[in-house]
Amino acid sequence: MAKFMSFLNNQTYAAMRMVVGFLFLWHGVQKLFSFPPSPEGMPPPPEFVIYIAGPIELIGGALVMIGLFTRYAAFLCSGLMAVAYWMVHGQKALLPIQNGGELAALYCFIFLFIATQGSNMWGLDKK
């Protein structure tokens, strides 16, 4: 059972990197261009979040998705999500299940993993 699907390690890692980057860049698109619109009743983020987090999410997510400067971009995105977790969610309660910070925590550690692995296959950084 240990070798189950192990022959697809590189392909599934590359697919995960591309999907995570794609999903993350849309957070930046929403902050910077208000598209797609936020749900009604949701307050807009503060301006410093829009102008600092928005470009990191948009550009960092795109770079991770295409696999260019992957390690640096993923490390920056991981740090952004760590800061977001402690600034927004960590103030409410310690555990992500209590404070609604699961997405920030997951992005933080997925990007940290990507930073250690690089672009691998299907990326422009591939050596």
Protein backbone atom coordinates (compact mmCIF):
# COMPACT_ATOMS: atom_id res chain seq x y z
CA MET A 1 0.00 0.00 0.00
CA ALA A 2 2.94 2.32 0.56
CA LYS A 3 3.56 2.69 -3.16
CA PHE A 4 -0.06 3.45 -4.01
CA MET A 5 -0.02 6.29 -6.55
CA SER A 6 3.61 7.15 -5.72
CA PHE A 7 4.38 7.14 -9.44
CA LEU A 8 2.27 10.33 -9.67
CA ASN A 9 4.14 12.30 -6.95
CA ASN A 10 5.62 14.89 -9.32
CA GLN A 11 2.41 15.38 -11.29
CA THR A 12 0.19 15.78 -8.22
CA TYR A 13 2.66 18.19 -6.60
CA ALA A 14 2.78 20.30 -9.78
CA ALA A 15 -1.03 20.27 -10.05
CA MET A 16 -1.34 21.30 -6.39
CA ARG A 17 1.16 24.15 -6.89
CA MET A 18 -0.74 25.44 -9.92
CA VAL A 19 -4.18 25.20 -8.29
CA VAL A 20 -3.02 26.83 -5.04
CA GLY A 21 -1.41 29.69 -6.99
CA PHE A 22 -4.53 30.11 -9.13
CA LEU A 23 -6.87 30.21 -6.12
CA PHE A 24 -4.57 32.61 -4.25
CA LEU A 25 -4.25 35.09 -7.10
CA TRP A 26 -8.01 35.56 -7.10
CA HIS A 27 -7.82 36.94 -3.56
CA GLY A 28 -5.55 39.65 -4.96
CA VAL A 29 -7.82 40.28 -7.96
CA GLN A 30 -10.76 40.74 -5.61
CA LYS A 31 -8.86 43.15 -3.36
CA LEU A 32 -7.38 45.24 -6.16
CA PHE A 33 -10.17 45.21 -8.76
CA SER A 34 -13.28 44.35 -6.69
CA PHE A 35 -13.94 41.43 -9.00
CA PRO A 36 -15.75 39.23 -8.30
CA PRO A 37 -17.68 41.42 -5.90
CA SER A 38 -17.60 40.54 -2.20
CA PRO A 39 -20.76 39.12 -0.65
CA GLU A 40 -23.26 41.78 0.41
CA GLY A 41 -22.81 43.05 3.91
CA MET A 42 -19.12 42.18 4.01
CA PRO A 43 -17.07 45.26 4.90
CA PRO A 44 -14.22 46.17 2.55
CA PRO A 45 -10.70 45.47 3.85
CA PRO A 46 -8.60 48.38 5.15
CA GLU A 47 -6.57 50.26 2.54
CA PHE A 48 -3.21 48.99 3.78
CA VAL A 49 -4.47 45.42 3.26
CA ILE A 50 -5.60 46.25 -0.27
CA TYR A 51 -2.30 47.86 -1.26
CA ILE A 52 0.07 45.46 0.51
CA ALA A 53 -1.69 42.09 0.49
CA GLY A 54 -3.46 42.56 -2.86
CA PRO A 55 -0.32 42.75 -5.03
CA ILE A 56 1.42 39.97 -3.08
CA GLU A 57 -1.60 37.73 -3.55
CA LEU A 58 -2.02 38.58 -7.23
CA ILE A 59 1.63 38.51 -8.32
CA GLY A 60 2.78 35.87 -5.84
CA GLY A 61 -0.12 33.58 -6.72
CA ALA A 62 0.56 34.00 -10.45
CA LEU A 63 4.28 33.30 -10.01
CA VAL A 64 3.59 30.18 -7.96
CA MET A 65 1.00 29.03 -10.49
CA ILE A 66 3.34 29.33 -13.49
CA GLY A 67 6.37 28.18 -11.52
CA LEU A 68 8.56 31.27 -11.89
CA PHE A 69 10.68 32.44 -8.91
CA THR A 70 8.59 29.83 -7.13
CA ARG A 71 10.58 29.49 -3.92
CA TYR A 72 10.77 33.24 -3.29
CA ALA A 73 7.15 33.92 -4.22
CA ALA A 74 5.85 31.03 -2.11
CA PHE A 75 7.95 32.10 0.87
CA LEU A 76 6.59 35.66 0.64
CA CYS A 77 3.01 34.36 0.31
CA SER A 78 3.55 32.07 3.31
CA GLY A 79 4.73 34.99 5.42
CA LEU A 80 1.79 37.10 4.29
CA MET A 81 -0.61 34.39 5.41
CA ALA A 82 1.14 34.01 8.77
CA VAL A 83 0.79 37.75 9.36
CA ALA A 84 -2.85 37.66 8.20
CA TYR A 85 -3.59 34.80 10.57
CA TRP A 86 -2.17 36.54 13.62
CA MET A 87 -3.45 40.03 12.74
CA VAL A 88 -7.01 39.03 11.90
CA HIS A 89 -7.84 35.58 13.21
CA GLY A 90 -5.41 35.12 16.08
CA GLN A 91 -6.92 38.10 17.87
CA LYS A 92 -10.27 36.28 18.18
CA ALA A 93 -9.13 32.91 19.55
CA LEU A 94 -6.06 30.70 19.40
CA LEU A 95 -7.35 27.76 17.37
CA PRO A 96 -8.24 28.11 13.67
CA ILE A 97 -11.47 26.17 14.15
CA GLN A 98 -12.57 28.83 16.65
CA ASN A 99 -11.35 31.97 14.88
CA GLY A 100 -12.14 31.21 11.22
CA GLY A 101 -8.49 31.18 10.20
CA GLU A 102 -8.29 27.73 8.63
CA LEU A 103 -7.79 29.10 5.12
CA ALA A 104 -4.98 31.44 6.20
CA ALA A 105 -3.26 28.66 8.16
CA LEU A 106 -3.55 26.21 5.26
CA TYR A 107 -2.24 28.72 2.73
CA CYS A 108 0.63 29.57 5.08
CA PHE A 109 1.83 25.98 5.38
CA ILE A 110 1.10 24.98 1.78
CA PHE A 111 3.15 27.93 0.54
CA LEU A 112 5.90 27.06 3.02
CA PHE A 113 5.96 23.53 1.58
CA ILE A 114 6.05 24.91 -1.97
CA ALA A 115 8.93 27.20 -0.97
CA THR A 116 10.94 24.15 0.08
CA GLN A 117 10.14 22.16 -3.07
CA GLY A 118 10.36 24.74 -5.85
CA SER A 119 8.47 24.55 -9.10
CA ASN A 120 9.33 20.92 -9.93
CA MET A 121 7.77 19.87 -13.23
CA TRP A 122 5.45 22.03 -15.33
CA GLY A 123 7.04 25.22 -14.04
CA LEU A 124 9.13 27.85 -15.76
CA ASP A 125 11.83 27.49 -13.05
CA LYS A 126 12.33 23.79 -13.81
CA LYS A 127 15.99 23.08 -14.29
